[in-house]
Amino acid sequence: MHALRFRRTAVAVVAAAVLPFALAACSDSGKGADAGASADNGKAEESAAASAEPSMAMAMDKPFGPACAGVPAEGAGSFDGMAKDPVATAASNNPALSTLVTAVKQAGLVDTLNNAKDITVFAPTNEAFAKIPKADLDKVLADKAMLTKILTYHVVGEKLTPKQLESGSFDTLKKGKITTAGSGEAYKVNGTSNVVCGNVPTANATVYIVDTVLMPK
């Protein structure tokens, strides 16, 4: 009997000693699982953020603005078609820029613009030219020197991103300066001319279509 009681007491002591370690192990295992789940969630969030960043960058790379809706969906005058041609040729395929194309031809600047490297063109729409009284516009179109000054004032010798337009001052080919300001999809040039379809790629230029002709000082 004494031997049996001794064995029972020994078993109880061992069980009492082992139990706290077993509970601690379970507790640590739970913490490990929680930590692992937290780490996995963190990785998932980082992965989602990384996936979102390229999407946002791609969105900013695309043309934007209300007038972009009028650009043909396909053909030479579409965004894909314009991207394959140098800027003067690309503009000639866009019906909204026909007055500008006429002016460029009158000034003899087709080859100059088509052969330039990495430029930005602020391209006035037909409506922008229509804001100029007809007598004044006819006078400008007939004066090659004046027309050249006005048209080259719309060209910057580097490709500009929308980010650069947020607050910028840039030298033009006419040796004057233009200023830009805005954010998102709303930008102004020289405080008066609105970008109505921006960030349009051509083979050698980035085009920002504007609603007012820019006049050099």
N, C-alpha and C. Protein backbone atom coordinates (compact mmCIF):
# COMPACT_ATOMS: atom_id res chain seq x y z
N MET A 1 0.83 -1.21 0.00
CA MET A 1 0.00 0.00 0.00
C MET A 1 0.86 1.24 0.00
N HIS A 2 1.89 1.25 0.84
CA HIS A 2 2.77 2.43 0.89
C HIS A 2 3.43 2.67 -0.45
N ALA A 3 3.81 1.59 -1.13
CA ALA A 3 4.47 1.72 -2.44
C ALA A 3 3.52 2.30 -3.46
N LEU A 4 2.23 1.84 -3.39
CA LEU A 4 1.24 2.35 -4.35
C LEU A 4 0.97 3.82 -4.14
N ARG A 5 0.86 4.23 -2.85
CA ARG A 5 0.64 5.66 -2.56
C ARG A 5 1.80 6.50 -3.03
N PHE A 6 2.99 5.97 -2.88
CA PHE A 6 4.19 6.72 -3.30
C PHE A 6 4.19 6.95 -4.81
N ARG A 7 3.79 5.86 -5.56
CA ARG A 7 3.76 5.99 -7.02
C ARG A 7 2.74 7.05 -7.44
N ARG A 8 1.51 7.01 -6.80
CA ARG A 8 0.46 7.99 -7.13
C ARG A 8 0.94 9.42 -6.86
N THR A 9 1.59 9.59 -5.74
CA THR A 9 2.10 10.92 -5.37
C THR A 9 3.13 11.40 -6.37
N ALA A 10 4.02 10.50 -6.78
CA ALA A 10 5.08 10.85 -7.76
C ALA A 10 4.48 11.25 -9.08
N VAL A 11 3.45 10.48 -9.53
CA VAL A 11 2.79 10.81 -10.81
C VAL A 11 2.15 12.19 -10.73
N ALA A 12 1.50 12.47 -9.59
CA ALA A 12 0.83 13.76 -9.42
C ALA A 12 1.83 14.91 -9.47
N VAL A 13 2.98 14.70 -8.82
CA VAL A 13 4.02 15.73 -8.80
C VAL A 13 4.54 16.00 -10.20
N VAL A 14 4.80 14.90 -10.93
CA VAL A 14 5.31 15.05 -12.31
C VAL A 14 4.31 15.76 -13.18
N ALA A 15 3.01 15.37 -13.06
CA ALA A 15 1.96 16.01 -13.86
C ALA A 15 1.87 17.49 -13.54
N ALA A 16 1.96 17.81 -12.25
CA ALA A 16 1.89 19.22 -11.84
C ALA A 16 3.05 20.01 -12.40
N ALA A 17 4.22 19.37 -12.50
CA ALA A 17 5.42 20.06 -13.01
C ALA A 17 5.35 20.24 -14.51
N VAL A 18 4.79 19.24 -15.21
CA VAL A 18 4.76 19.28 -16.69
C VAL A 18 3.69 20.22 -17.21
N LEU A 19 2.55 20.30 -16.50
CA LEU A 19 1.41 21.08 -16.98
C LEU A 19 1.73 22.53 -17.32
N PRO A 20 2.44 23.28 -16.45
CA PRO A 20 2.75 24.68 -16.80
C PRO A 20 3.55 24.80 -18.09
N PHE A 21 4.51 23.84 -18.28
CA PHE A 21 5.33 23.89 -19.50
C PHE A 21 4.47 23.63 -20.74
N ALA A 22 3.51 22.71 -20.62
CA ALA A 22 2.62 22.38 -21.74
C ALA A 22 1.75 23.60 -22.08
N LEU A 23 1.21 24.26 -21.04
CA LEU A 23 0.38 25.44 -21.26
C LEU A 23 1.19 26.56 -21.90
N ALA A 24 2.42 26.72 -21.42
CA ALA A 24 3.30 27.77 -21.97
C ALA A 24 3.60 27.49 -23.43
N ALA A 25 3.82 26.21 -23.75
CA ALA A 25 4.11 25.84 -25.14
C ALA A 25 2.93 26.15 -26.02
N CYS A 26 1.72 25.82 -25.54
CA CYS A 26 0.51 26.12 -26.31
C CYS A 26 0.37 27.62 -26.52
N SER A 27 0.64 28.37 -25.43
CA SER A 27 0.53 29.83 -25.52
C SER A 27 1.51 30.39 -26.54
N ASP A 28 2.77 29.92 -26.49
CA ASP A 28 3.79 30.39 -27.44
C ASP A 28 3.43 30.02 -28.85
N SER A 29 2.83 28.80 -29.00
CA SER A 29 2.43 28.36 -30.34
C SER A 29 1.35 29.27 -30.88
N GLY A 30 0.41 29.68 -30.01
CA GLY A 30 -0.66 30.60 -30.43
C GLY A 30 -0.11 31.93 -30.86
N LYS A 31 0.86 32.42 -30.06
CA LYS A 31 1.48 33.69 -30.41
C LYS A 31 2.20 33.60 -31.74
N GLY A 32 2.87 32.46 -31.96
CA GLY A 32 3.58 32.25 -33.23
C GLY A 32 2.61 32.26 -34.40
N ALA A 33 1.46 31.60 -34.20
CA ALA A 33 0.46 31.56 -35.26
C ALA A 33 -0.07 32.95 -35.55
N ASP A 34 -0.34 33.71 -34.43
CA ASP A 34 -0.83 35.08 -34.61
C ASP A 34 0.20 35.93 -35.32
N ALA A 35 1.47 35.77 -34.92
CA ALA A 35 2.54 36.55 -35.54
C ALA A 35 2.66 36.19 -37.01
N GLY A 36 2.53 34.87 -37.30
CA GLY A 36 2.62 34.44 -38.69
C GLY A 36 1.49 35.01 -39.52
N ALA A 37 0.26 34.99 -38.94
CA ALA A 37 -0.89 35.54 -39.65
C ALA A 37 -0.72 37.03 -39.88
N SER A 38 -0.19 37.73 -38.84
CA SER A 38 0.04 39.17 -38.97
C SER A 38 1.06 39.46 -40.05
N ALA A 39 2.13 38.65 -40.08
CA ALA A 39 3.17 38.84 -41.09
C ALA A 39 2.61 38.59 -42.48
N ASP A 40 1.77 37.53 -42.59
CA ASP A 40 1.16 37.23 -43.89
C ASP A 40 0.26 38.36 -44.35
N ASN A 41 -0.53 38.92 -43.40
CA ASN A 41 -1.40 40.05 -43.74
C ASN A 41 -0.59 41.24 -44.19
N GLY A 42 0.55 41.48 -43.48
CA GLY A 42 1.42 42.60 -43.86
C GLY A 42 1.97 42.43 -45.25
N LYS A 43 2.39 41.18 -45.56
CA LYS A 43 2.92 40.92 -46.89
C LYS A 43 1.84 41.11 -47.94
N ALA A 44 0.62 40.68 -47.63
CA ALA A 44 -0.48 40.82 -48.58
C ALA A 44 -0.77 42.29 -48.86
N GLU A 45 -0.75 43.12 -47.78
CA GLU A 45 -0.99 44.55 -47.95
C GLU A 45 0.11 45.19 -48.79
N GLU A 46 1.38 44.78 -48.51
CA GLU A 46 2.50 45.32 -49.29
C GLU A 46 2.37 44.93 -50.75
N SER A 47 1.95 43.68 -50.98
CA SER A 47 1.79 43.20 -52.35
C SER A 47 0.69 43.97 -53.06
N ALA A 48 -0.42 44.23 -52.35
CA ALA A 48 -1.53 44.98 -52.95
C ALA A 48 -1.09 46.39 -53.27
N ALA A 49 -0.33 47.02 -52.36
CA ALA A 49 0.15 48.38 -52.60
C ALA A 49 1.08 48.42 -53.79
N ALA A 50 1.96 47.41 -53.88
CA ALA A 50 2.90 47.36 -55.00
C ALA A 50 2.16 47.18 -56.31
N SER A 51 1.07 46.39 -56.27
CA SER A 51 0.29 46.19 -57.49
C SER A 51 -0.43 47.47 -57.88
N ALA A 52 -0.85 48.26 -56.89
CA ALA A 52 -1.60 49.49 -57.16
C ALA A 52 -0.71 50.56 -57.76
N GLU A 53 0.55 50.61 -57.32
CA GLU A 53 1.45 51.67 -57.79
C GLU A 53 1.64 51.65 -59.30
N PRO A 54 1.94 50.49 -59.94
CA PRO A 54 2.07 50.49 -61.38
C PRO A 54 0.79 50.90 -62.07
N SER A 55 -0.38 50.50 -61.50
CA SER A 55 -1.66 50.86 -62.10
C SER A 55 -1.84 52.37 -62.11
N MET A 56 -1.48 53.02 -61.00
CA MET A 56 -1.58 54.47 -60.92
C MET A 56 -0.63 55.13 -61.90
N ALA A 57 0.58 54.58 -62.00
CA ALA A 57 1.56 55.13 -62.93
C ALA A 57 1.08 54.99 -64.36
N MET A 58 0.48 53.83 -64.68
CA MET A 58 -0.04 53.61 -66.02
C MET A 58 -1.17 54.57 -66.33
N ALA A 59 -2.03 54.85 -65.32
CA ALA A 59 -3.13 55.79 -65.53
C ALA A 59 -2.60 57.17 -65.86
N MET A 60 -1.52 57.60 -65.18
CA MET A 60 -0.95 58.91 -65.43
C MET A 60 -0.27 59.00 -66.79
N ASP A 61 0.12 57.85 -67.35
CA ASP A 61 0.79 57.85 -68.64
C ASP A 61 -0.18 58.01 -69.79
N LYS A 62 -1.46 57.85 -69.55
CA LYS A 62 -2.45 57.90 -70.62
C LYS A 62 -2.91 59.34 -70.89
N PRO A 63 -3.39 59.61 -72.12
CA PRO A 63 -3.96 60.93 -72.41
C PRO A 63 -5.15 61.21 -71.49
N PHE A 64 -5.35 62.48 -71.18
CA PHE A 64 -6.44 62.85 -70.28
C PHE A 64 -7.05 64.18 -70.72
N GLY A 65 -8.27 64.43 -70.27
CA GLY A 65 -8.93 65.70 -70.55
C GLY A 65 -10.22 65.51 -71.34
N PRO A 66 -11.14 66.46 -71.23
CA PRO A 66 -12.46 66.32 -71.85
C PRO A 66 -12.44 66.19 -73.38
N ALA A 67 -11.50 66.86 -74.04
CA ALA A 67 -11.45 66.81 -75.50
C ALA A 67 -10.91 65.49 -76.04
N CYS A 68 -10.31 64.68 -75.16
CA CYS A 68 -9.79 63.39 -75.61
C CYS A 68 -10.91 62.48 -76.11
N ALA A 69 -12.13 62.72 -75.63
CA ALA A 69 -13.26 61.89 -76.05
C ALA A 69 -13.55 62.04 -77.54
N GLY A 70 -13.13 63.18 -78.13
CA GLY A 70 -13.37 63.42 -79.54
C GLY A 70 -12.33 62.82 -80.46
N VAL A 71 -11.29 62.24 -79.90
CA VAL A 71 -10.23 61.63 -80.71
C VAL A 71 -10.74 60.29 -81.25
N PRO A 72 -10.56 60.01 -82.55
CA PRO A 72 -11.03 58.74 -83.11
C PRO A 72 -10.49 57.54 -82.36
N ALA A 73 -11.30 56.49 -82.27
CA ALA A 73 -10.90 55.29 -81.54
C ALA A 73 -9.85 54.48 -82.30
N GLU A 74 -9.81 54.62 -83.61
CA GLU A 74 -8.84 53.86 -84.40
C GLU A 74 -8.45 54.66 -85.64
N GLY A 75 -7.41 54.19 -86.31
CA GLY A 75 -6.95 54.87 -87.51
C GLY A 75 -5.79 55.81 -87.22
N ALA A 76 -5.35 56.53 -88.26
CA ALA A 76 -4.18 57.42 -88.13
C ALA A 76 -4.40 58.54 -87.12
N GLY A 77 -5.66 58.97 -86.94
CA GLY A 77 -5.95 60.06 -86.01
C GLY A 77 -6.21 59.62 -84.58
N SER A 78 -6.17 58.32 -84.33
CA SER A 78 -6.36 57.80 -82.97
C SER A 78 -5.08 57.99 -82.16
N PHE A 79 -5.16 57.76 -80.87
CA PHE A 79 -3.97 57.89 -80.03
C PHE A 79 -2.88 56.91 -80.48
N ASP A 80 -3.28 55.68 -80.80
CA ASP A 80 -2.29 54.69 -81.25
C ASP A 80 -1.70 55.11 -82.60
N GLY A 81 -2.54 55.65 -83.47
CA GLY A 81 -2.05 56.09 -84.78
C GLY A 81 -1.11 57.28 -84.67
N MET A 82 -1.46 58.26 -83.82
CA MET A 82 -0.62 59.44 -83.64
C MET A 82 0.73 59.07 -83.03
N ALA A 83 0.74 58.06 -82.19
CA ALA A 83 1.99 57.65 -81.53
C ALA A 83 3.02 57.12 -82.52
N LYS A 84 2.56 56.72 -83.70
CA LYS A 84 3.47 56.15 -84.70
C LYS A 84 4.07 57.21 -85.63
N ASP A 85 3.46 58.41 -85.65
CA ASP A 85 3.89 59.45 -86.59
C ASP A 85 4.60 60.59 -85.87
N PRO A 86 5.52 61.30 -86.56
CA PRO A 86 6.10 62.50 -85.97
C PRO A 86 5.01 63.56 -85.81
N VAL A 87 5.27 64.56 -84.97
CA VAL A 87 4.21 65.41 -84.44
C VAL A 87 3.41 66.17 -85.50
N ALA A 88 4.06 66.76 -86.51
CA ALA A 88 3.31 67.53 -87.50
C ALA A 88 2.40 66.61 -88.32
N THR A 89 2.91 65.44 -88.65
CA THR A 89 2.10 64.46 -89.38
C THR A 89 0.94 63.96 -88.52
N ALA A 90 1.23 63.69 -87.25
CA ALA A 90 0.19 63.23 -86.33
C ALA A 90 -0.91 64.26 -86.20
N ALA A 91 -0.54 65.53 -86.09
CA ALA A 91 -1.53 66.60 -85.95
C ALA A 91 -2.40 66.70 -87.20
N SER A 92 -1.81 66.44 -88.37
CA SER A 92 -2.57 66.55 -89.62
C SER A 92 -3.67 65.50 -89.71
N ASN A 93 -3.57 64.44 -88.89
CA ASN A 93 -4.59 63.39 -88.88
C ASN A 93 -5.67 63.63 -87.84
N ASN A 94 -5.56 64.75 -87.12
CA ASN A 94 -6.56 65.09 -86.10
C ASN A 94 -7.39 66.27 -86.61
N PRO A 95 -8.67 66.06 -86.93
CA PRO A 95 -9.50 67.12 -87.49
C PRO A 95 -9.60 68.37 -86.61
N ALA A 96 -9.45 68.20 -85.29
CA ALA A 96 -9.57 69.33 -84.37
C ALA A 96 -8.37 70.26 -84.44
N LEU A 97 -7.31 69.85 -85.16
CA LEU A 97 -6.09 70.66 -85.24
C LEU A 97 -5.81 71.13 -86.67
N SER A 98 -6.82 71.17 -87.51
CA SER A 98 -6.61 71.50 -88.92
C SER A 98 -6.10 72.92 -89.12
N THR A 99 -6.57 73.88 -88.32
CA THR A 99 -6.08 75.27 -88.46
C THR A 99 -4.62 75.36 -88.07
N LEU A 100 -4.24 74.66 -87.01
CA LEU A 100 -2.84 74.62 -86.60
C LEU A 100 -1.97 74.03 -87.70
N VAL A 101 -2.43 72.96 -88.31
CA VAL A 101 -1.66 72.31 -89.37
C VAL A 101 -1.49 73.27 -90.56
N THR A 102 -2.55 74.00 -90.89
CA THR A 102 -2.45 75.00 -91.97
C THR A 102 -1.40 76.05 -91.63
N ALA A 103 -1.40 76.51 -90.39
CA ALA A 103 -0.44 77.53 -89.95
C ALA A 103 0.99 76.98 -90.00
N VAL A 104 1.18 75.74 -89.57
CA VAL A 104 2.51 75.12 -89.59
C VAL A 104 3.02 75.02 -91.03
N LYS A 105 2.15 74.67 -91.95
CA LYS A 105 2.54 74.59 -93.35
C LYS A 105 2.89 75.97 -93.91
N GLN A 106 2.07 76.97 -93.55
CA GLN A 106 2.31 78.35 -94.00
C GLN A 106 3.67 78.86 -93.54
N ALA A 107 4.06 78.45 -92.33
CA ALA A 107 5.33 78.90 -91.75
C ALA A 107 6.51 78.05 -92.21
N GLY A 108 6.23 76.97 -92.92
CA GLY A 108 7.31 76.09 -93.38
C GLY A 108 7.96 75.32 -92.25
N LEU A 109 7.17 74.94 -91.24
CA LEU A 109 7.74 74.29 -90.05
C LEU A 109 7.46 72.79 -89.98
N VAL A 110 6.88 72.22 -91.02
CA VAL A 110 6.54 70.80 -90.97
C VAL A 110 7.78 69.95 -90.72
N ASP A 111 8.81 70.13 -91.54
CA ASP A 111 10.03 69.33 -91.39
C ASP A 111 10.74 69.63 -90.08
N THR A 112 10.73 70.89 -89.67
CA THR A 112 11.38 71.28 -88.41
C THR A 112 10.77 70.52 -87.24
N LEU A 113 9.46 70.47 -87.19
CA LEU A 113 8.77 69.79 -86.08
C LEU A 113 8.90 68.27 -86.20
N ASN A 114 8.77 67.76 -87.41
CA ASN A 114 8.85 66.31 -87.58
C ASN A 114 10.23 65.74 -87.29
N ASN A 115 11.27 66.55 -87.51
CA ASN A 115 12.64 66.07 -87.31
C ASN A 115 13.21 66.39 -85.92
N ALA A 116 12.47 67.16 -85.13
CA ALA A 116 12.94 67.51 -83.78
C ALA A 116 12.90 66.26 -82.89
N LYS A 117 13.72 66.27 -81.86
CA LYS A 117 13.80 65.13 -80.94
C LYS A 117 13.25 65.51 -79.56
N ASP A 118 12.37 64.67 -79.05
CA ASP A 118 11.89 64.80 -77.66
C ASP A 118 11.44 66.21 -77.34
N ILE A 119 10.37 66.65 -77.96
CA ILE A 119 9.82 67.99 -77.71
C ILE A 119 8.42 67.88 -77.13
N THR A 120 7.93 69.01 -76.63
CA THR A 120 6.54 69.12 -76.20
C THR A 120 5.88 70.21 -77.03
N VAL A 121 4.70 69.91 -77.55
CA VAL A 121 3.97 70.88 -78.35
C VAL A 121 2.64 71.18 -77.66
N PHE A 122 2.39 72.45 -77.41
CA PHE A 122 1.08 72.90 -76.91
C PHE A 122 0.29 73.28 -78.16
N ALA A 123 -0.65 72.43 -78.53
CA ALA A 123 -1.34 72.54 -79.81
C ALA A 123 -2.72 73.18 -79.67
N PRO A 124 -2.91 74.41 -80.18
CA PRO A 124 -4.23 75.05 -80.09
C PRO A 124 -5.25 74.37 -81.01
N THR A 125 -6.45 74.22 -80.53
CA THR A 125 -7.53 73.65 -81.32
C THR A 125 -8.03 74.66 -82.35
N ASN A 126 -8.88 74.19 -83.26
CA ASN A 126 -9.51 75.10 -84.21
C ASN A 126 -10.29 76.19 -83.48
N GLU A 127 -10.97 75.80 -82.40
CA GLU A 127 -11.75 76.78 -81.61
C GLU A 127 -10.83 77.83 -80.98
N ALA A 128 -9.62 77.42 -80.63
CA ALA A 128 -8.66 78.38 -80.05
C ALA A 128 -8.31 79.45 -81.07
N PHE A 129 -8.05 79.04 -82.31
CA PHE A 129 -7.75 80.02 -83.37
C PHE A 129 -8.98 80.87 -83.69
N ALA A 130 -10.17 80.28 -83.55
CA ALA A 130 -11.41 81.01 -83.84
C ALA A 130 -11.66 82.16 -82.86
N LYS A 131 -11.01 82.12 -81.69
CA LYS A 131 -11.14 83.22 -80.73
C LYS A 131 -10.45 84.49 -81.23
N ILE A 132 -9.52 84.33 -82.15
CA ILE A 132 -8.80 85.49 -82.72
C ILE A 132 -9.66 86.08 -83.82
N PRO A 133 -9.91 87.40 -83.80
CA PRO A 133 -10.69 88.01 -84.88
C PRO A 133 -10.14 87.63 -86.25
N LYS A 134 -11.04 87.35 -87.19
CA LYS A 134 -10.62 86.82 -88.49
C LYS A 134 -9.61 87.72 -89.19
N ALA A 135 -9.82 89.01 -89.12
CA ALA A 135 -8.88 89.93 -89.79
C ALA A 135 -7.48 89.81 -89.20
N ASP A 136 -7.41 89.68 -87.86
CA ASP A 136 -6.11 89.53 -87.21
C ASP A 136 -5.47 88.19 -87.54
N LEU A 137 -6.29 87.14 -87.57
CA LEU A 137 -5.77 85.80 -87.89
C LEU A 137 -5.24 85.75 -89.33
N ASP A 138 -5.99 86.35 -90.24
CA ASP A 138 -5.55 86.38 -91.64
C ASP A 138 -4.22 87.13 -91.77
N LYS A 139 -4.10 88.20 -90.99
CA LYS A 139 -2.86 88.99 -91.02
C LYS A 139 -1.67 88.16 -90.52
N VAL A 140 -1.90 87.43 -89.46
CA VAL A 140 -0.83 86.58 -88.90
C VAL A 140 -0.45 85.48 -89.88
N LEU A 141 -1.44 84.84 -90.48
CA LEU A 141 -1.17 83.75 -91.42
C LEU A 141 -0.41 84.24 -92.66
N ALA A 142 -0.59 85.51 -92.96
CA ALA A 142 0.09 86.08 -94.14
C ALA A 142 1.50 86.57 -93.83
N ASP A 143 1.83 86.66 -92.54
CA ASP A 143 3.15 87.16 -92.12
C ASP A 143 3.96 85.97 -91.59
N LYS A 144 4.82 85.43 -92.44
CA LYS A 144 5.54 84.21 -92.09
C LYS A 144 6.42 84.39 -90.86
N ALA A 145 7.08 85.53 -90.74
CA ALA A 145 7.97 85.76 -89.59
C ALA A 145 7.17 85.78 -88.28
N MET A 146 6.05 86.51 -88.29
CA MET A 146 5.22 86.59 -87.08
C MET A 146 4.61 85.22 -86.77
N LEU A 147 4.16 84.53 -87.81
CA LEU A 147 3.55 83.22 -87.62
C LEU A 147 4.57 82.24 -87.02
N THR A 148 5.78 82.29 -87.50
CA THR A 148 6.85 81.41 -86.99
C THR A 148 7.11 81.68 -85.51
N LYS A 149 7.13 82.96 -85.12
CA LYS A 149 7.35 83.30 -83.71
C LYS A 149 6.24 82.74 -82.83
N ILE A 150 5.00 82.88 -83.31
CA ILE A 150 3.87 82.40 -82.51
C ILE A 150 3.90 80.89 -82.39
N LEU A 151 4.13 80.21 -83.50
CA LEU A 151 4.10 78.74 -83.48
C LEU A 151 5.24 78.15 -82.67
N THR A 152 6.44 78.70 -82.82
CA THR A 152 7.57 78.16 -82.05
C THR A 152 7.48 78.50 -80.57
N TYR A 153 6.64 79.48 -80.23
CA TYR A 153 6.37 79.79 -78.82
C TYR A 153 5.56 78.67 -78.16
N HIS A 154 4.93 77.82 -78.97
CA HIS A 154 4.14 76.70 -78.47
C HIS A 154 4.95 75.42 -78.31
N VAL A 155 6.26 75.50 -78.54
CA VAL A 155 7.09 74.29 -78.53
C VAL A 155 8.20 74.41 -77.47
N VAL A 156 8.30 73.40 -76.63
CA VAL A 156 9.35 73.32 -75.60
C VAL A 156 10.31 72.20 -76.01
N GLY A 157 11.60 72.43 -75.82
CA GLY A 157 12.61 71.48 -76.29
C GLY A 157 12.86 70.28 -75.42
N GLU A 158 11.86 69.81 -74.72
CA GLU A 158 11.95 68.59 -73.92
C GLU A 158 10.55 68.02 -73.74
N LYS A 159 10.49 66.73 -73.49
CA LYS A 159 9.19 66.12 -73.23
C LYS A 159 8.77 66.39 -71.79
N LEU A 160 7.60 66.98 -71.63
CA LEU A 160 7.11 67.34 -70.30
C LEU A 160 6.03 66.36 -69.84
N THR A 161 6.14 65.93 -68.60
CA THR A 161 5.14 65.06 -68.00
C THR A 161 4.08 65.90 -67.30
N PRO A 162 2.90 65.35 -67.05
CA PRO A 162 1.90 66.08 -66.29
C PRO A 162 2.43 66.58 -64.94
N LYS A 163 3.28 65.77 -64.31
CA LYS A 163 3.85 66.17 -63.01
C LYS A 163 4.64 67.47 -63.14
N GLN A 164 5.38 67.62 -64.24
CA GLN A 164 6.17 68.83 -64.45
C GLN A 164 5.29 70.06 -64.69
N LEU A 165 4.07 69.83 -65.17
CA LEU A 165 3.17 70.96 -65.46
C LEU A 165 2.52 71.52 -64.20
N GLU A 166 2.63 70.81 -63.08
CA GLU A 166 1.95 71.25 -61.87
C GLU A 166 2.39 72.65 -61.44
N SER A 167 3.65 72.94 -61.63
CA SER A 167 4.17 74.28 -61.34
C SER A 167 5.50 74.41 -62.07
N GLY A 168 5.43 74.97 -63.29
CA GLY A 168 6.65 74.98 -64.09
C GLY A 168 6.82 76.24 -64.92
N SER A 169 8.04 76.46 -65.33
CA SER A 169 8.40 77.55 -66.24
C SER A 169 9.40 76.96 -67.24
N PHE A 170 9.09 77.10 -68.53
CA PHE A 170 9.88 76.39 -69.54
C PHE A 170 10.25 77.31 -70.69
N ASP A 171 11.47 77.11 -71.19
CA ASP A 171 11.93 77.85 -72.37
C ASP A 171 11.30 77.25 -73.62
N THR A 172 10.87 78.11 -74.52
CA THR A 172 10.30 77.66 -75.77
C THR A 172 11.32 77.81 -76.90
N LEU A 173 11.01 77.23 -78.05
CA LEU A 173 11.92 77.35 -79.20
C LEU A 173 12.02 78.79 -79.68
N LYS A 174 11.03 79.60 -79.34
CA LYS A 174 11.03 81.01 -79.71
C LYS A 174 11.93 81.82 -78.77
N LYS A 175 12.50 81.13 -77.76
CA LYS A 175 13.37 81.74 -76.74
C LYS A 175 12.59 82.52 -75.68
N GLY A 176 11.27 82.40 -75.71
CA GLY A 176 10.47 82.98 -74.64
C GLY A 176 10.22 81.94 -73.56
N LYS A 177 9.41 82.27 -72.59
CA LYS A 177 9.07 81.33 -71.51
C LYS A 177 7.56 81.17 -71.41
N ILE A 178 7.13 79.97 -71.10
CA ILE A 178 5.74 79.74 -70.75
C ILE A 178 5.70 79.20 -69.33
N THR A 179 4.58 79.42 -68.66
CA THR A 179 4.40 78.90 -67.31
C THR A 179 3.20 77.96 -67.30
N THR A 180 3.25 76.99 -66.43
CA THR A 180 2.16 76.03 -66.31
C THR A 180 1.81 75.83 -64.84
N ALA A 181 0.56 75.49 -64.59
CA ALA A 181 0.12 75.22 -63.22
C ALA A 181 -1.12 74.33 -63.27
N GLY A 182 -1.29 73.53 -62.21
CA GLY A 182 -2.46 72.67 -62.13
C GLY A 182 -2.15 71.38 -61.42
N SER A 183 -3.07 70.43 -61.51
CA SER A 183 -2.89 69.11 -60.92
C SER A 183 -3.93 68.17 -61.48
N GLY A 184 -3.70 66.88 -61.25
CA GLY A 184 -4.66 65.88 -61.72
C GLY A 184 -4.83 65.92 -63.22
N GLU A 185 -6.01 66.35 -63.67
CA GLU A 185 -6.30 66.46 -65.10
C GLU A 185 -6.67 67.89 -65.48
N ALA A 186 -6.33 68.86 -64.64
CA ALA A 186 -6.66 70.27 -64.91
C ALA A 186 -5.39 71.12 -64.86
N TYR A 187 -5.00 71.64 -66.03
CA TYR A 187 -3.78 72.45 -66.12
C TYR A 187 -4.04 73.69 -66.97
N LYS A 188 -3.35 74.77 -66.62
CA LYS A 188 -3.40 76.00 -67.40
C LYS A 188 -2.00 76.35 -67.87
N VAL A 189 -1.94 76.96 -69.04
CA VAL A 189 -0.67 77.44 -69.59
C VAL A 189 -0.77 78.96 -69.65
N ASN A 190 0.24 79.63 -69.08
CA ASN A 190 0.26 81.09 -68.99
C ASN A 190 -0.98 81.65 -68.30
N GLY A 191 -1.60 80.86 -67.47
CA GLY A 191 -2.73 81.32 -66.66
C GLY A 191 -4.03 81.48 -67.40
N THR A 192 -4.04 81.28 -68.73
CA THR A 192 -5.27 81.53 -69.49
C THR A 192 -5.69 80.37 -70.38
N SER A 193 -4.75 79.60 -70.87
CA SER A 193 -5.06 78.54 -71.83
C SER A 193 -5.18 77.20 -71.11
N ASN A 194 -6.32 76.55 -71.27
CA ASN A 194 -6.58 75.27 -70.60
C ASN A 194 -6.13 74.09 -71.45
N VAL A 195 -5.51 73.11 -70.79
CA VAL A 195 -5.20 71.86 -71.47
C VAL A 195 -6.49 71.05 -71.54
N VAL A 196 -6.96 70.78 -72.77
CA VAL A 196 -8.23 70.06 -72.94
C VAL A 196 -8.03 68.59 -73.30
N CYS A 197 -6.85 68.26 -73.74
CA CYS A 197 -6.49 66.85 -73.96
C CYS A 197 -4.97 66.77 -73.85
N GLY A 198 -4.49 66.21 -72.77
CA GLY A 198 -3.06 66.26 -72.49
C GLY A 198 -2.36 64.93 -72.53
N ASN A 199 -1.03 65.01 -72.60
CA ASN A 199 -0.17 63.84 -72.53
C ASN A 199 -0.40 62.89 -73.72
N VAL A 200 -0.58 63.48 -74.89
CA VAL A 200 -0.80 62.69 -76.11
C VAL A 200 0.56 62.37 -76.74
N PRO A 201 0.90 61.10 -76.91
CA PRO A 201 2.21 60.76 -77.46
C PRO A 201 2.22 60.76 -78.99
N THR A 202 3.31 61.26 -79.56
CA THR A 202 3.60 61.06 -80.97
C THR A 202 5.01 60.45 -81.04
N ALA A 203 5.47 60.17 -82.25
CA ALA A 203 6.76 59.48 -82.38
C ALA A 203 7.92 60.28 -81.81
N ASN A 204 7.82 61.61 -81.84
CA ASN A 204 8.95 62.43 -81.36
C ASN A 204 8.55 63.51 -80.37
N ALA A 205 7.29 63.52 -79.94
CA ALA A 205 6.84 64.61 -79.08
C ALA A 205 5.71 64.17 -78.16
N THR A 206 5.52 64.96 -77.11
CA THR A 206 4.33 64.86 -76.27
C THR A 206 3.48 66.09 -76.57
N VAL A 207 2.20 65.88 -76.80
CA VAL A 207 1.30 66.98 -77.18
C VAL A 207 0.29 67.26 -76.08
N TYR A 208 0.12 68.54 -75.79
CA TYR A 208 -0.93 69.01 -74.89
C TYR A 208 -1.82 69.94 -75.72
N ILE A 209 -3.03 69.49 -76.01
CA ILE A 209 -3.96 70.29 -76.81
C ILE A 209 -4.60 71.34 -75.91
N VAL A 210 -4.57 72.61 -76.36
CA VAL A 210 -5.02 73.73 -75.52
C VAL A 210 -6.15 74.49 -76.20
N ASP A 211 -6.92 75.24 -75.41
CA ASP A 211 -8.10 75.92 -75.94
C ASP A 211 -7.90 77.39 -76.27
N THR A 212 -6.66 77.89 -76.12
CA THR A 212 -6.35 79.29 -76.41
C THR A 212 -4.96 79.38 -77.02
N VAL A 213 -4.83 80.18 -78.05
CA VAL A 213 -3.50 80.38 -78.69
C VAL A 213 -2.61 81.15 -77.74
N LEU A 214 -1.38 80.69 -77.55
CA LEU A 214 -0.40 81.35 -76.68
C LEU A 214 0.30 82.45 -77.46
N MET A 215 0.33 83.64 -76.93
CA MET A 215 0.95 84.77 -77.62
C MET A 215 2.24 85.19 -76.91
N PRO A 216 3.37 85.18 -77.61
CA PRO A 216 4.63 85.62 -76.99
C PRO A 216 4.59 87.12 -76.72
N LYS A 217 5.35 87.55 -75.73
CA LYS A 217 5.39 88.97 -75.41
C LYS A 217 6.23 89.71 -76.43
